[in-house]
Amino acid sequence: MAGLTLCRKVSAGLTAVCLVLVISGLVLVCLCTYLPYWQVNDPEAGVIERPLRFSGIWKRCLAMPSSEIYICDDYDSSFVEIPQIIQTARVLCIISIVSAGASVVLIIPGLIFIILSLIYEKHLLKILTVIPPVVSFVLAFLSGVCVLHAVTQFDIESREENPYYVSTDVSTFLRGQCLYFGWIGGGLLIGGAIVSLHPAIVGIIDLKQDRRAN
């Protein structure tokens, strides 16, 4: 009994860690999705005052190095006409955000149920300590996989000539910060999903012991 109580305390701590990881991952995925820094041109490619061009999955921007004014516009094509790489990234990032948000919503009551199970020895509470971690694991893992696939696939395909800019000079495009946000955010989400398994396992063991006792 004392061993299970200790495991529940550890589960409460790990659930809090899981919550921090998933929220951090969610914030990074939101930044990755919204900001137009998936791809940027190299400002040091040998041309003085080369325009700064950078794009995301929702808009593209242009600015001069000596100016703080940015001119941005949304992709003016209909969704069907937008290249597949952009369509796929949009869908995957939206799924990632929704899944991560739902995971956070489940982790919070899961943590509350674990804390209550330390105070009250109720069978229903023990069941409730299992369900949220299992579902949040699936959602957080799905979220991480979606955003990792989106940024990795974009990175691979964008090594080819960029189709969104029309210019008189040859631009060298580099990875934007948003790709790194996506990779780090996806890693945090998957890490949070893995951490959430411990409370679920402890809860299942606890329920099995209750059945044996009865």
Protein backbone atom coordinates (compact mmCIF):
# COMPACT_ATOMS: atom_id res chain seq x y z
CA MET A 1 0.00 0.00 0.00
CA ALA A 2 2.83 2.36 0.92
CA GLY A 3 4.52 1.55 -2.39
CA LEU A 4 1.40 2.45 -4.35
CA THR A 5 1.00 5.67 -2.38
CA LEU A 6 4.54 6.63 -3.29
CA CYS A 7 3.84 5.76 -6.93
CA ARG A 8 0.77 7.99 -6.89
CA LYS A 9 2.86 10.87 -5.56
CA VAL A 10 5.41 10.28 -8.31
CA SER A 11 2.55 10.15 -10.82
CA ALA A 12 1.27 13.50 -9.60
CA GLY A 13 4.72 15.02 -10.09
CA LEU A 14 5.16 13.46 -13.52
CA THR A 15 1.70 14.63 -14.57
CA ALA A 16 2.71 18.18 -13.66
CA VAL A 17 5.87 17.73 -15.74
CA CYS A 18 3.76 16.36 -18.58
CA LEU A 19 1.50 19.42 -18.38
CA VAL A 20 4.50 21.77 -18.64
CA LEU A 21 5.93 19.82 -21.60
CA VAL A 22 2.66 19.72 -23.53
CA ILE A 23 1.87 23.40 -22.91
CA SER A 24 5.40 24.37 -23.98
CA GLY A 25 5.05 22.22 -27.09
CA LEU A 26 1.64 23.74 -27.84
CA VAL A 27 3.02 27.29 -27.60
CA LEU A 28 5.87 26.45 -29.97
CA VAL A 29 3.51 24.78 -32.45
CA CYS A 30 1.24 27.85 -32.39
CA LEU A 31 4.23 30.10 -33.08
CA CYS A 32 5.41 27.74 -35.80
CA THR A 33 1.99 27.77 -37.44
CA TYR A 34 1.35 31.50 -37.26
CA LEU A 35 4.72 33.14 -37.94
CA PRO A 36 5.97 33.50 -41.55
CA TYR A 37 9.46 32.14 -40.90
CA TRP A 38 9.34 28.69 -42.41
CA GLN A 39 11.72 29.74 -45.16
CA VAL A 40 13.96 32.81 -45.41
CA ASN A 41 16.36 33.98 -48.08
CA ASP A 42 20.05 34.43 -47.37
CA PRO A 43 20.76 38.17 -46.92
CA GLU A 44 24.50 37.58 -47.29
CA ALA A 45 24.43 35.92 -50.70
CA GLY A 46 26.67 38.55 -52.28
CA VAL A 47 24.18 41.25 -53.29
CA ILE A 48 24.15 44.57 -51.43
CA GLU A 49 20.74 45.56 -50.07
CA ARG A 50 19.24 42.22 -51.07
CA PRO A 51 15.54 42.20 -50.12
CA LEU A 52 14.68 40.03 -47.15
CA ARG A 53 12.07 37.48 -48.17
CA PHE A 54 10.47 35.06 -45.76
CA SER A 55 7.36 32.95 -45.90
CA GLY A 56 5.21 30.69 -43.79
CA ILE A 57 2.20 28.54 -44.49
CA TRP A 58 -0.26 31.48 -44.34
CA LYS A 59 1.59 34.49 -45.73
CA ARG A 60 4.80 35.75 -47.31
CA CYS A 61 6.71 38.92 -46.48
CA LEU A 62 9.28 41.28 -48.01
CA ALA A 63 11.55 43.88 -46.42
CA MET A 64 14.82 45.69 -47.04
CA PRO A 65 17.70 45.14 -44.58
CA SER A 66 17.93 48.89 -43.88
CA SER A 67 14.19 49.21 -43.23
CA GLU A 68 12.02 48.10 -40.34
CA ILE A 69 8.91 48.08 -42.53
CA TYR A 70 7.63 44.67 -43.58
CA ILE A 71 5.19 44.14 -46.42
CA CYS A 72 3.21 40.94 -46.00
CA ASP A 73 0.36 39.42 -47.95
CA ASP A 74 -1.65 36.24 -47.72
CA TYR A 75 -1.37 33.65 -50.43
CA ASP A 76 -3.89 34.89 -52.98
CA SER A 77 -4.72 31.49 -54.45
CA SER A 78 -7.70 29.42 -53.45
CA PHE A 79 -6.95 26.50 -51.14
CA VAL A 80 -7.17 24.03 -54.01
CA GLU A 81 -4.58 25.95 -56.03
CA ILE A 82 -2.09 26.28 -53.16
CA PRO A 83 0.82 23.81 -53.54
CA GLN A 84 0.40 20.49 -51.80
CA ILE A 85 3.29 21.14 -49.42
CA ILE A 86 1.50 24.20 -47.99
CA GLN A 87 -1.88 22.49 -47.82
CA THR A 88 -0.39 19.51 -45.99
CA ALA A 89 1.52 21.69 -43.53
CA ARG A 90 -1.60 23.72 -42.74
CA VAL A 91 -3.76 20.66 -42.07
CA LEU A 92 -1.11 18.89 -39.97
CA CYS A 93 -0.36 21.99 -37.89
CA ILE A 94 -4.05 22.61 -37.21
CA ILE A 95 -4.50 18.97 -36.16
CA SER A 96 -1.42 19.30 -33.95
CA ILE A 97 -2.74 22.43 -32.21
CA VAL A 98 -6.21 20.97 -31.63
CA SER A 99 -4.81 17.66 -30.35
CA ALA A 100 -2.32 19.36 -28.02
CA GLY A 101 -5.02 21.68 -26.69
CA ALA A 102 -7.34 18.74 -26.02
CA SER A 103 -4.48 16.93 -24.31
CA VAL A 104 -3.92 19.88 -21.96
CA VAL A 105 -7.63 19.96 -21.15
CA LEU A 106 -7.44 16.28 -20.11
CA ILE A 107 -4.13 16.46 -18.23
CA ILE A 108 -5.43 19.06 -15.75
CA PRO A 109 -8.39 17.01 -14.42
CA GLY A 110 -6.16 13.93 -14.54
CA LEU A 111 -3.77 15.63 -12.13
CA ILE A 112 -6.66 16.62 -9.88
CA PHE A 113 -7.94 13.01 -9.80
CA ILE A 114 -4.49 11.71 -8.88
CA ILE A 115 -4.23 14.18 -6.00
CA LEU A 116 -7.72 13.24 -4.80
CA SER A 117 -6.81 9.54 -4.97
CA LEU A 118 -4.05 10.25 -2.46
CA ILE A 119 -6.67 11.55 -0.03
CA TYR A 120 -9.66 9.30 -0.74
CA GLU A 121 -9.50 5.56 -1.45
CA LYS A 122 -12.36 5.51 -3.93
CA HIS A 123 -12.58 3.03 -6.79
CA LEU A 124 -14.12 5.61 -9.13
CA LEU A 125 -11.22 7.99 -8.50
CA LYS A 126 -8.77 5.25 -9.41
CA ILE A 127 -10.58 4.67 -12.69
CA LEU A 128 -10.48 8.41 -13.39
CA THR A 129 -6.71 8.46 -12.83
CA VAL A 130 -6.31 6.06 -15.75
CA ILE A 131 -8.60 7.46 -18.46
CA PRO A 132 -7.22 11.04 -18.82
CA PRO A 133 -3.54 9.96 -19.04
CA VAL A 134 -4.29 7.33 -21.69
CA VAL A 135 -6.31 9.72 -23.86
CA SER A 136 -3.84 12.59 -23.34
CA PHE A 137 -1.00 10.25 -24.37
CA VAL A 138 -2.73 9.50 -27.67
CA LEU A 139 -3.53 13.17 -28.32
CA ALA A 140 -0.11 14.55 -27.36
CA PHE A 141 1.69 11.85 -29.35
CA LEU A 142 -0.53 12.52 -32.39
CA SER A 143 0.12 16.25 -32.03
CA GLY A 144 3.89 15.76 -31.92
CA VAL A 145 3.94 13.41 -34.89
CA CYS A 146 1.79 15.78 -36.99
CA VAL A 147 3.94 18.86 -36.46
CA LEU A 148 7.19 16.90 -36.89
CA HIS A 149 5.93 15.48 -40.16
CA ALA A 150 4.78 18.93 -41.33
CA VAL A 151 8.08 20.74 -40.75
CA THR A 152 10.28 17.84 -41.86
CA GLN A 153 8.37 17.32 -45.10
CA PHE A 154 8.41 21.06 -45.76
CA ASP A 155 12.16 21.17 -45.16
CA ILE A 156 12.78 18.30 -47.55
CA GLU A 157 10.58 19.62 -50.36
CA SER A 158 11.64 23.27 -50.01
CA ARG A 159 15.21 22.39 -50.95
CA GLU A 160 13.98 22.67 -54.50
CA GLU A 161 13.40 26.05 -56.14
CA ASN A 162 10.99 28.21 -54.16
CA PRO A 163 7.85 28.82 -56.28
CA TYR A 164 6.41 31.76 -54.34
CA TYR A 165 8.84 34.59 -55.15
CA VAL A 166 9.34 36.24 -58.50
CA SER A 167 12.57 38.25 -58.56
CA THR A 168 15.32 39.31 -60.92
CA ASP A 169 18.06 37.86 -58.73
CA VAL A 170 18.78 34.32 -57.68
CA SER A 171 17.82 33.87 -54.03
CA THR A 172 19.31 31.34 -51.69
CA PHE A 173 16.70 30.16 -49.22
CA LEU A 174 17.49 28.89 -45.74
CA ARG A 175 15.57 27.16 -43.01
CA GLY A 176 13.46 29.58 -40.99
CA GLN A 177 13.10 29.70 -37.23
CA CYS A 178 9.61 28.19 -37.40
CA LEU A 179 10.99 24.86 -38.56
CA TYR A 180 13.07 24.68 -35.39
CA PHE A 181 10.05 25.72 -33.33
CA GLY A 182 8.18 22.82 -34.92
CA TRP A 183 10.94 20.29 -34.28
CA ILE A 184 11.41 21.35 -30.67
CA GLY A 185 7.66 21.61 -30.07
CA GLY A 186 7.07 18.16 -31.56
CA GLY A 187 9.79 16.70 -29.35
CA LEU A 188 8.27 18.28 -26.24
CA LEU A 189 4.81 16.95 -27.14
CA ILE A 190 6.07 13.41 -27.67
CA GLY A 191 8.10 13.67 -24.46
CA GLY A 192 5.01 14.79 -22.59
CA ALA A 193 3.04 11.90 -24.09
CA ILE A 194 5.63 9.39 -22.89
CA VAL A 195 5.68 10.90 -19.39
CA SER A 196 1.87 10.65 -19.20
CA LEU A 197 2.10 6.86 -19.46
CA HIS A 198 3.41 6.51 -15.88
CA PRO A 199 0.18 7.69 -14.17
CA ALA A 200 -1.84 5.40 -16.44
CA ILE A 201 0.31 2.37 -15.61
CA VAL A 202 0.16 3.11 -11.87
CA GLY A 203 -3.61 3.51 -12.06
CA ILE A 204 -4.02 0.18 -13.88
CA ILE A 205 -1.86 -1.61 -11.29
CA ASP A 206 -3.91 0.01 -8.53
CA LEU A 207 -7.17 -1.20 -10.09
CA LYS A 208 -5.81 -4.73 -10.47
CA GLN A 209 -4.90 -4.83 -6.79
CA ASP A 210 -8.42 -3.68 -5.91
CA ARG A 211 -9.88 -6.55 -7.94
CA ARG A 212 -7.65 -9.08 -6.21
CA ALA A 213 -8.61 -7.67 -2.83
CA ASN A 214 -12.29 -8.06 -3.67
